[in-house]
Amino acid sequence: MELRKQTPGKGIMDREKLMQYKTCSACGQPFNLGDPVVIACGAWEGPPRWIHEHEAVFDSKKSGFVERKCFEARRGM
C-alpha cells in the first residue's frame, strides 16, 4: 500500500473538523466525512478557512490556496 504525502493546508474532513466546521465558507454546502478540503483565503473577513477542495485554486505566487471566485476576480482585474 502506497501512502501519499499530505500537502500542507490540504486534508480530509474528519470527525473533529466536522464537529467544528459545519459548512463550507465558499459554497455554503455542508461538509461530509471524507470530503477533500483545503485551507484557503477568500472574500470573507478574517483568517483562511477550510473549504471544499473543488472550490479552491492553488496560487503559486502566494504559495497557498485561494477560493476559486476570489482568484478569478483578481485575475480579471
PDB file of N, CA and C in Angstrom:
ATOM      1  N   MET A   1       0.840  -1.181   0.000  1.00  0.00           N
ATOM      2  CA  MET A   1       0.000   0.000   0.000  1.00  0.00           C
ATOM      3  C   MET A   1       0.882   1.240   0.000  1.00  0.00           C
ATOM      4  N   GLU A   2       0.610   2.143  -0.899  1.00  0.00           N
ATOM      5  CA  GLU A   2       1.397   3.371  -1.022  1.00  0.00           C
ATOM      6  C   GLU A   2       0.707   4.500  -0.258  1.00  0.00           C
ATOM      7  N   LEU A   3       1.462   5.169   0.593  1.00  0.00           N
ATOM      8  CA  LEU A   3       0.924   6.315   1.333  1.00  0.00           C
ATOM      9  C   LEU A   3       1.308   7.590   0.610  1.00  0.00           C
ATOM     10  N   ARG A   4       0.327   8.457   0.395  1.00  0.00           N
ATOM     11  CA  ARG A   4       0.603   9.743  -0.244  1.00  0.00           C
ATOM     12  C   ARG A   4       1.004  10.749   0.820  1.00  0.00           C
ATOM     13  N   LYS A   5       1.946  11.597   0.470  1.00  0.00           N
ATOM     14  CA  LYS A   5       2.341  12.662   1.393  1.00  0.00           C
ATOM     15  C   LYS A   5       1.239  13.694   1.464  1.00  0.00           C
ATOM     16  N   GLN A   6       0.968  14.170   2.658  1.00  0.00           N
ATOM     17  CA  GLN A   6      -0.072  15.175   2.868  1.00  0.00           C
ATOM     18  C   GLN A   6       0.506  16.555   2.573  1.00  0.00           C
ATOM     19  N   THR A   7      -0.152  17.298   1.724  1.00  0.00           N
ATOM     20  CA  THR A   7       0.264  18.657   1.392  1.00  0.00           C
ATOM     21  C   THR A   7      -0.197  19.592   2.508  1.00  0.00           C
ATOM     22  N   PRO A   8       0.674  20.511   2.957  1.00  0.00           N
ATOM     23  CA  PRO A   8       0.233  21.459   3.991  1.00  0.00           C
ATOM     24  C   PRO A   8      -0.979  22.251   3.525  1.00  0.00           C
ATOM     25  N   GLY A   9      -1.960  22.390   4.400  1.00  0.00           N
ATOM     26  CA  GLY A   9      -3.161  23.128   4.060  1.00  0.00           C
ATOM     27  C   GLY A   9      -4.191  22.304   3.327  1.00  0.00           C
ATOM     28  N   LYS A  10      -3.939  21.009   3.192  1.00  0.00           N
ATOM     29  CA  LYS A  10      -4.839  20.123   2.463  1.00  0.00           C
ATOM     30  C   LYS A  10      -5.132  18.919   3.347  1.00  0.00           C
ATOM     31  N   GLY A  11      -6.371  18.456   3.336  1.00  0.00           N
ATOM     32  CA  GLY A  11      -6.697  17.322   4.179  1.00  0.00           C
ATOM     33  C   GLY A  11      -8.034  16.707   3.819  1.00  0.00           C
ATOM     34  N   ILE A  12      -8.458  15.816   4.689  1.00  0.00           N
ATOM     35  CA  ILE A  12      -9.740  15.135   4.557  1.00  0.00           C
ATOM     36  C   ILE A  12     -10.595  15.546   5.752  1.00  0.00           C
ATOM     37  N   MET A  13     -11.868  15.811   5.512  1.00  0.00           N
ATOM     38  CA  MET A  13     -12.766  16.201   6.594  1.00  0.00           C
ATOM     39  C   MET A  13     -12.962  14.996   7.515  1.00  0.00           C
ATOM     40  N   ASP A  14     -12.418  15.118   8.724  1.00  0.00           N
ATOM     41  CA  ASP A  14     -12.573  14.055   9.708  1.00  0.00           C
ATOM     42  C   ASP A  14     -13.616  14.468  10.744  1.00  0.00           C
ATOM     43  N   ARG A  15     -13.854  13.601  11.698  1.00  0.00           N
ATOM     44  CA  ARG A  15     -14.902  13.852  12.692  1.00  0.00           C
ATOM     45  C   ARG A  15     -14.632  15.126  13.487  1.00  0.00           C
ATOM     46  N   GLU A  16     -13.382  15.328  13.884  1.00  0.00           N
ATOM     47  CA  GLU A  16     -13.037  16.509  14.682  1.00  0.00           C
ATOM     48  C   GLU A  16     -13.302  17.803  13.916  1.00  0.00           C
ATOM     49  N   LYS A  17     -12.870  17.870  12.656  1.00  0.00           N
ATOM     50  CA  LYS A  17     -13.109  19.064  11.833  1.00  0.00           C
ATOM     51  C   LYS A  17     -14.601  19.241  11.563  1.00  0.00           C
ATOM     52  N   LEU A  18     -15.300  18.120  11.331  1.00  0.00           N
ATOM     53  CA  LEU A  18     -16.721  18.181  11.019  1.00  0.00           C
ATOM     54  C   LEU A  18     -17.525  18.758  12.183  1.00  0.00           C
ATOM     55  N   MET A  19     -17.129  18.452  13.410  1.00  0.00           N
ATOM     56  CA  MET A  19     -17.816  18.989  14.577  1.00  0.00           C
ATOM     57  C   MET A  19     -17.591  20.496  14.710  1.00  0.00           C
ATOM     58  N   GLN A  20     -16.435  20.963  14.251  1.00  0.00           N
ATOM     59  CA  GLN A  20     -16.091  22.383  14.379  1.00  0.00           C
ATOM     60  C   GLN A  20     -16.564  23.206  13.177  1.00  0.00           C
ATOM     61  N   TYR A  21     -16.454  22.654  11.977  1.00  0.00           N
ATOM     62  CA  TYR A  21     -16.805  23.385  10.753  1.00  0.00           C
ATOM     63  C   TYR A  21     -17.977  22.683  10.084  1.00  0.00           C
ATOM     64  N   LYS A  22     -19.142  23.254  10.155  1.00  0.00           N
ATOM     65  CA  LYS A  22     -20.355  22.618   9.635  1.00  0.00           C
ATOM     66  C   LYS A  22     -20.527  22.814   8.132  1.00  0.00           C
ATOM     67  N   THR A  23     -20.262  24.034   7.642  1.00  0.00           N
ATOM     68  CA  THR A  23     -20.489  24.329   6.229  1.00  0.00           C
ATOM     69  C   THR A  23     -19.264  24.976   5.592  1.00  0.00           C
ATOM     70  N   CYS A  24     -19.177  24.849   4.294  1.00  0.00           N
ATOM     71  CA  CYS A  24     -18.087  25.417   3.507  1.00  0.00           C
ATOM     72  C   CYS A  24     -18.312  26.925   3.355  1.00  0.00           C
ATOM     73  N   SER A  25     -17.297  27.710   3.648  1.00  0.00           N
ATOM     74  CA  SER A  25     -17.398  29.167   3.517  1.00  0.00           C
ATOM     75  C   SER A  25     -17.494  29.608   2.057  1.00  0.00           C
ATOM     76  N   ALA A  26     -17.022  28.786   1.138  1.00  0.00           N
ATOM     77  CA  ALA A  26     -17.034  29.163  -0.275  1.00  0.00           C
ATOM     78  C   ALA A  26     -18.376  28.891  -0.946  1.00  0.00           C
ATOM     79  N   CYS A  27     -18.958  27.715  -0.688  1.00  0.00           N
ATOM     80  CA  CYS A  27     -20.185  27.354  -1.407  1.00  0.00           C
ATOM     81  C   CYS A  27     -21.420  27.266  -0.513  1.00  0.00           C
ATOM     82  N   GLY A  28     -21.224  27.261   0.804  1.00  0.00           N
ATOM     83  CA  GLY A  28     -22.348  27.208   1.725  1.00  0.00           C
ATOM     84  C   GLY A  28     -22.930  25.816   1.931  1.00  0.00           C
ATOM     85  N   GLN A  29     -22.386  24.807   1.248  1.00  0.00           N
ATOM     86  CA  GLN A  29     -22.866  23.435   1.385  1.00  0.00           C
ATOM     87  C   GLN A  29     -22.261  22.787   2.633  1.00  0.00           C
ATOM     88  N   PRO A  30     -22.972  21.856   3.252  1.00  0.00           N
ATOM     89  CA  PRO A  30     -22.428  21.189   4.438  1.00  0.00           C
ATOM     90  C   PRO A  30     -21.271  20.262   4.069  1.00  0.00           C
ATOM     91  N   PHE A  31     -20.357  20.094   5.005  1.00  0.00           N
ATOM     92  CA  PHE A  31     -19.262  19.146   4.838  1.00  0.00           C
ATOM     93  C   PHE A  31     -19.759  17.752   5.172  1.00  0.00           C
ATOM     94  N   ASN A  32     -19.122  16.746   4.592  1.00  0.00           N
ATOM     95  CA  ASN A  32     -19.380  15.345   4.894  1.00  0.00           C
ATOM     96  C   ASN A  32     -18.065  14.695   5.303  1.00  0.00           C
ATOM     97  N   LEU A  33     -18.145  13.643   6.097  1.00  0.00           N
ATOM     98  CA  LEU A  33     -16.935  12.905   6.445  1.00  0.00           C
ATOM     99  C   LEU A  33     -16.257  12.430   5.170  1.00  0.00           C
ATOM    100  N   GLY A  34     -14.944  12.608   5.091  1.00  0.00           N
ATOM    101  CA  GLY A  34     -14.184  12.154   3.939  1.00  0.00           C
ATOM    102  C   GLY A  34     -14.064  13.146   2.812  1.00  0.00           C
ATOM    103  N   ASP A  35     -14.727  14.294   2.895  1.00  0.00           N
ATOM    104  CA  ASP A  35     -14.600  15.308   1.847  1.00  0.00           C
ATOM    105  C   ASP A  35     -13.164  15.829   1.804  1.00  0.00           C
ATOM    106  N   PRO A  36     -12.570  15.966   0.601  1.00  0.00           N
ATOM    107  CA  PRO A  36     -11.260  16.615   0.493  1.00  0.00           C
ATOM    108  C   PRO A  36     -11.432  18.113   0.725  1.00  0.00           C
ATOM    109  N   VAL A  37     -10.627  18.674   1.635  1.00  0.00           N
ATOM    110  CA  VAL A  37     -10.728  20.085   1.994  1.00  0.00           C
ATOM    111  C   VAL A  37      -9.352  20.734   1.988  1.00  0.00           C
ATOM    112  N   VAL A  38      -9.343  22.052   1.850  1.00  0.00           N
ATOM    113  CA  VAL A  38      -8.106  22.832   1.905  1.00  0.00           C
ATOM    114  C   VAL A  38      -8.340  24.080   2.747  1.00  0.00           C
ATOM    115  N   ILE A  39      -7.265  24.615   3.289  1.00  0.00           N
ATOM    116  CA  ILE A  39      -7.333  25.894   3.984  1.00  0.00           C
ATOM    117  C   ILE A  39      -7.057  26.959   2.937  1.00  0.00           C
ATOM    118  N   ALA A  40      -8.017  27.863   2.745  1.00  0.00           N
ATOM    119  CA  ALA A  40      -7.897  28.868   1.689  1.00  0.00           C
ATOM    120  C   ALA A  40      -8.340  30.233   2.183  1.00  0.00           C
ATOM    121  N   CYS A  41      -7.762  31.263   1.569  1.00  0.00           N
ATOM    122  CA  CYS A  41      -8.248  32.611   1.831  1.00  0.00           C
ATOM    123  C   CYS A  41      -9.337  32.899   0.799  1.00  0.00           C
ATOM    124  N   GLY A  42     -10.175  33.875   1.115  1.00  0.00           N
ATOM    125  CA  GLY A  42     -11.275  34.173   0.204  1.00  0.00           C
ATOM    126  C   GLY A  42     -11.845  35.545   0.445  1.00  0.00           C
ATOM    127  N   ALA A  43     -13.057  35.755  -0.021  1.00  0.00           N
ATOM    128  CA  ALA A  43     -13.712  37.052   0.053  1.00  0.00           C
ATOM    129  C   ALA A  43     -14.223  37.373   1.456  1.00  0.00           C
ATOM    130  N   TRP A  44     -14.250  36.407   2.359  1.00  0.00           N
ATOM    131  CA  TRP A  44     -14.721  36.637   3.724  1.00  0.00           C
ATOM    132  C   TRP A  44     -13.676  37.395   4.534  1.00  0.00           C
ATOM    133  N   GLU A  45     -14.127  37.992   5.619  1.00  0.00           N
ATOM    134  CA  GLU A  45     -13.219  38.685   6.525  1.00  0.00           C
ATOM    135  C   GLU A  45     -12.593  37.676   7.466  1.00  0.00           C
ATOM    136  N   GLY A  46     -11.375  37.925   7.853  1.00  0.00           N
ATOM    137  CA  GLY A  46     -10.721  37.056   8.815  1.00  0.00           C
ATOM    138  C   GLY A  46      -9.701  36.126   8.176  1.00  0.00           C
ATOM    139  N   PRO A  47      -9.255  35.160   8.974  1.00  0.00           N
ATOM    140  CA  PRO A  47      -8.194  34.260   8.519  1.00  0.00           C
ATOM    141  C   PRO A  47      -8.687  33.238   7.488  1.00  0.00           C
ATOM    142  N   PRO A  48      -7.750  32.513   6.856  1.00  0.00           N
ATOM    143  CA  PRO A  48      -8.140  31.445   5.923  1.00  0.00           C
ATOM    144  C   PRO A  48      -9.017  30.407   6.622  1.00  0.00           C
ATOM    145  N   ARG A  49      -9.871  29.748   5.836  1.00  0.00           N
ATOM    146  CA  ARG A  49     -10.820  28.778   6.387  1.00  0.00           C
ATOM    147  C   ARG A  49     -10.778  27.481   5.581  1.00  0.00           C
ATOM    148  N   TRP A  50     -11.316  26.416   6.186  1.00  0.00           N
ATOM    149  CA  TRP A  50     -11.455  25.147   5.487  1.00  0.00           C
ATOM    150  C   TRP A  50     -12.602  25.265   4.479  1.00  0.00           C
ATOM    151  N   ILE A  51     -12.322  24.895   3.216  1.00  0.00           N
ATOM    152  CA  ILE A  51     -13.359  24.863   2.178  1.00  0.00           C
ATOM    153  C   ILE A  51     -13.178  23.581   1.362  1.00  0.00           C
ATOM    154  N   HIS A  52     -14.202  23.216   0.584  1.00  0.00           N
ATOM    155  CA  HIS A  52     -14.086  22.053  -0.296  1.00  0.00           C
ATOM    156  C   HIS A  52     -12.948  22.275  -1.286  1.00  0.00           C
ATOM    157  N   GLU A  53     -12.200  21.226  -1.555  1.00  0.00           N
ATOM    158  CA  GLU A  53     -11.044  21.338  -2.447  1.00  0.00           C
ATOM    159  C   GLU A  53     -11.451  21.796  -3.852  1.00  0.00           C
ATOM    160  N   HIS A  54     -12.611  21.376  -4.341  1.00  0.00           N
ATOM    161  CA  HIS A  54     -13.033  21.765  -5.694  1.00  0.00           C
ATOM    162  C   HIS A  54     -13.441  23.242  -5.773  1.00  0.00           C
ATOM    163  N   GLU A  55     -13.564  23.905  -4.641  1.00  0.00           N
ATOM    164  CA  GLU A  55     -13.887  25.337  -4.600  1.00  0.00           C
ATOM    165  C   GLU A  55     -12.636  26.208  -4.504  1.00  0.00           C
ATOM    166  N   ALA A  56     -11.448  25.587  -4.590  1.00  0.00           N
ATOM    167  CA  ALA A  56     -10.193  26.325  -4.396  1.00  0.00           C
ATOM    168  C   ALA A  56      -9.244  26.145  -5.574  1.00  0.00           C
ATOM    169  N   VAL A  57      -8.337  27.097  -5.697  1.00  0.00           N
ATOM    170  CA  VAL A  57      -7.280  27.081  -6.707  1.00  0.00           C
ATOM    171  C   VAL A  57      -5.970  27.309  -5.969  1.00  0.00           C
ATOM    172  N   PHE A  58      -4.913  26.572  -6.368  1.00  0.00           N
ATOM    173  CA  PHE A  58      -3.612  26.805  -5.752  1.00  0.00           C
ATOM    174  C   PHE A  58      -2.948  27.972  -6.453  1.00  0.00           C
ATOM    175  N   ASP A  59      -2.598  29.008  -5.694  1.00  0.00           N
ATOM    176  CA  ASP A  59      -1.932  30.203  -6.229  1.00  0.00           C
ATOM    177  C   ASP A  59      -0.448  30.077  -5.925  1.00  0.00           C
ATOM    178  N   SER A  60       0.356  29.825  -6.943  1.00  0.00           N
ATOM    179  CA  SER A  60       1.794  29.629  -6.738  1.00  0.00           C
ATOM    180  C   SER A  60       2.482  30.915  -6.276  1.00  0.00           C
ATOM    181  N   LYS A  61       1.932  32.066  -6.635  1.00  0.00           N
ATOM    182  CA  LYS A  61       2.523  33.332  -6.187  1.00  0.00           C
ATOM    183  C   LYS A  61       2.389  33.503  -4.684  1.00  0.00           C
ATOM    184  N   LYS A  62       1.279  33.030  -4.122  1.00  0.00           N
ATOM    185  CA  LYS A  62       1.041  33.143  -2.679  1.00  0.00           C
ATOM    186  C   LYS A  62       1.427  31.873  -1.940  1.00  0.00           C
ATOM    187  N   SER A  63       1.761  30.828  -2.692  1.00  0.00           N
ATOM    188  CA  SER A  63       2.103  29.519  -2.121  1.00  0.00           C
ATOM    189  C   SER A  63       0.995  28.993  -1.221  1.00  0.00           C
ATOM    190  N   GLY A  64      -0.232  29.143  -1.674  1.00  0.00           N
ATOM    191  CA  GLY A  64      -1.364  28.660  -0.906  1.00  0.00           C
ATOM    192  C   GLY A  64      -2.625  28.617  -1.740  1.00  0.00           C
ATOM    193  N   PHE A  65      -3.696  28.133  -1.117  1.00  0.00           N
ATOM    194  CA  PHE A  65      -4.974  28.015  -1.806  1.00  0.00           C
ATOM    195  C   PHE A  65      -5.797  29.288  -1.657  1.00  0.00           C
ATOM    196  N   VAL A  66      -6.551  29.601  -2.715  1.00  0.00           N
ATOM    197  CA  VAL A  66      -7.430  30.764  -2.750  1.00  0.00           C
ATOM    198  C   VAL A  66      -8.789  30.283  -3.244  1.00  0.00           C
ATOM    199  N   GLU A  67      -9.846  30.825  -2.666  1.00  0.00           N
ATOM    200  CA  GLU A  67     -11.196  30.498  -3.126  1.00  0.00           C
ATOM    201  C   GLU A  67     -11.284  30.786  -4.626  1.00  0.00           C
ATOM    202  N   ARG A  68     -11.894  29.882  -5.378  1.00  0.00           N
ATOM    203  CA  ARG A  68     -11.952  29.979  -6.841  1.00  0.00           C
ATOM    204  C   ARG A  68     -12.545  31.310  -7.319  1.00  0.00           C
ATOM    205  N   LYS A  69     -13.661  31.750  -6.746  1.00  0.00           N
ATOM    206  CA  LYS A  69     -14.307  33.002  -7.166  1.00  0.00           C
ATOM    207  C   LYS A  69     -13.406  34.197  -6.894  1.00  0.00           C
ATOM    208  N   CYS A  70     -12.732  34.190  -5.753  1.00  0.00           N
ATOM    209  CA  CYS A  70     -11.824  35.277  -5.388  1.00  0.00           C
ATOM    210  C   CYS A  70     -10.626  35.310  -6.353  1.00  0.00           C
ATOM    211  N   PHE A  71     -10.098  34.131  -6.685  1.00  0.00           N
ATOM    212  CA  PHE A  71      -8.972  34.030  -7.594  1.00  0.00           C
ATOM    213  C   PHE A  71      -9.335  34.555  -8.982  1.00  0.00           C
ATOM    214  N   GLU A  72     -10.511  34.159  -9.475  1.00  0.00           N
ATOM    215  CA  GLU A  72     -10.950  34.611 -10.795  1.00  0.00           C
ATOM    216  C   GLU A  72     -11.200  36.113 -10.832  1.00  0.00           C
ATOM    217  N   ALA A  73     -11.709  36.671  -9.727  1.00  0.00           N
ATOM    218  CA  ALA A  73     -11.939  38.117  -9.653  1.00  0.00           C
ATOM    219  C   ALA A  73     -10.619  38.875  -9.689  1.00  0.00           C
ATOM    220  N   ARG A  74      -9.621  38.365  -8.994  1.00  0.00           N
ATOM    221  CA  ARG A  74      -8.296  39.012  -9.009  1.00  0.00           C
ATOM    222  C   ARG A  74      -7.668  38.935 -10.370  1.00  0.00           C
ATOM    223  N   ARG A  75      -7.813  37.788 -11.031  1.00  0.00           N
ATOM    224  CA  ARG A  75      -7.204  37.581 -12.346  1.00  0.00           C
ATOM    225  C   ARG A  75      -7.863  38.461 -13.404  1.00  0.00           C
ATOM    226  N   GLY A  76      -9.142  38.774 -13.227  1.00  0.00           N
ATOM    227  CA  GLY A  76      -9.885  39.589 -14.183  1.00  0.00           C
ATOM    228  C   GLY A  76      -9.549  41.066 -14.104  1.00  0.00           C
ATOM    229  N   MET A  77      -8.837  41.477 -13.076  1.00  0.00           N
ATOM    230  CA  MET A  77      -8.513  42.907 -12.896  1.00  0.00           C
ATOM    231  C   MET A  77      -7.470  43.357 -13.874  1.00  0.00           C
TER     232      MET A  77
END
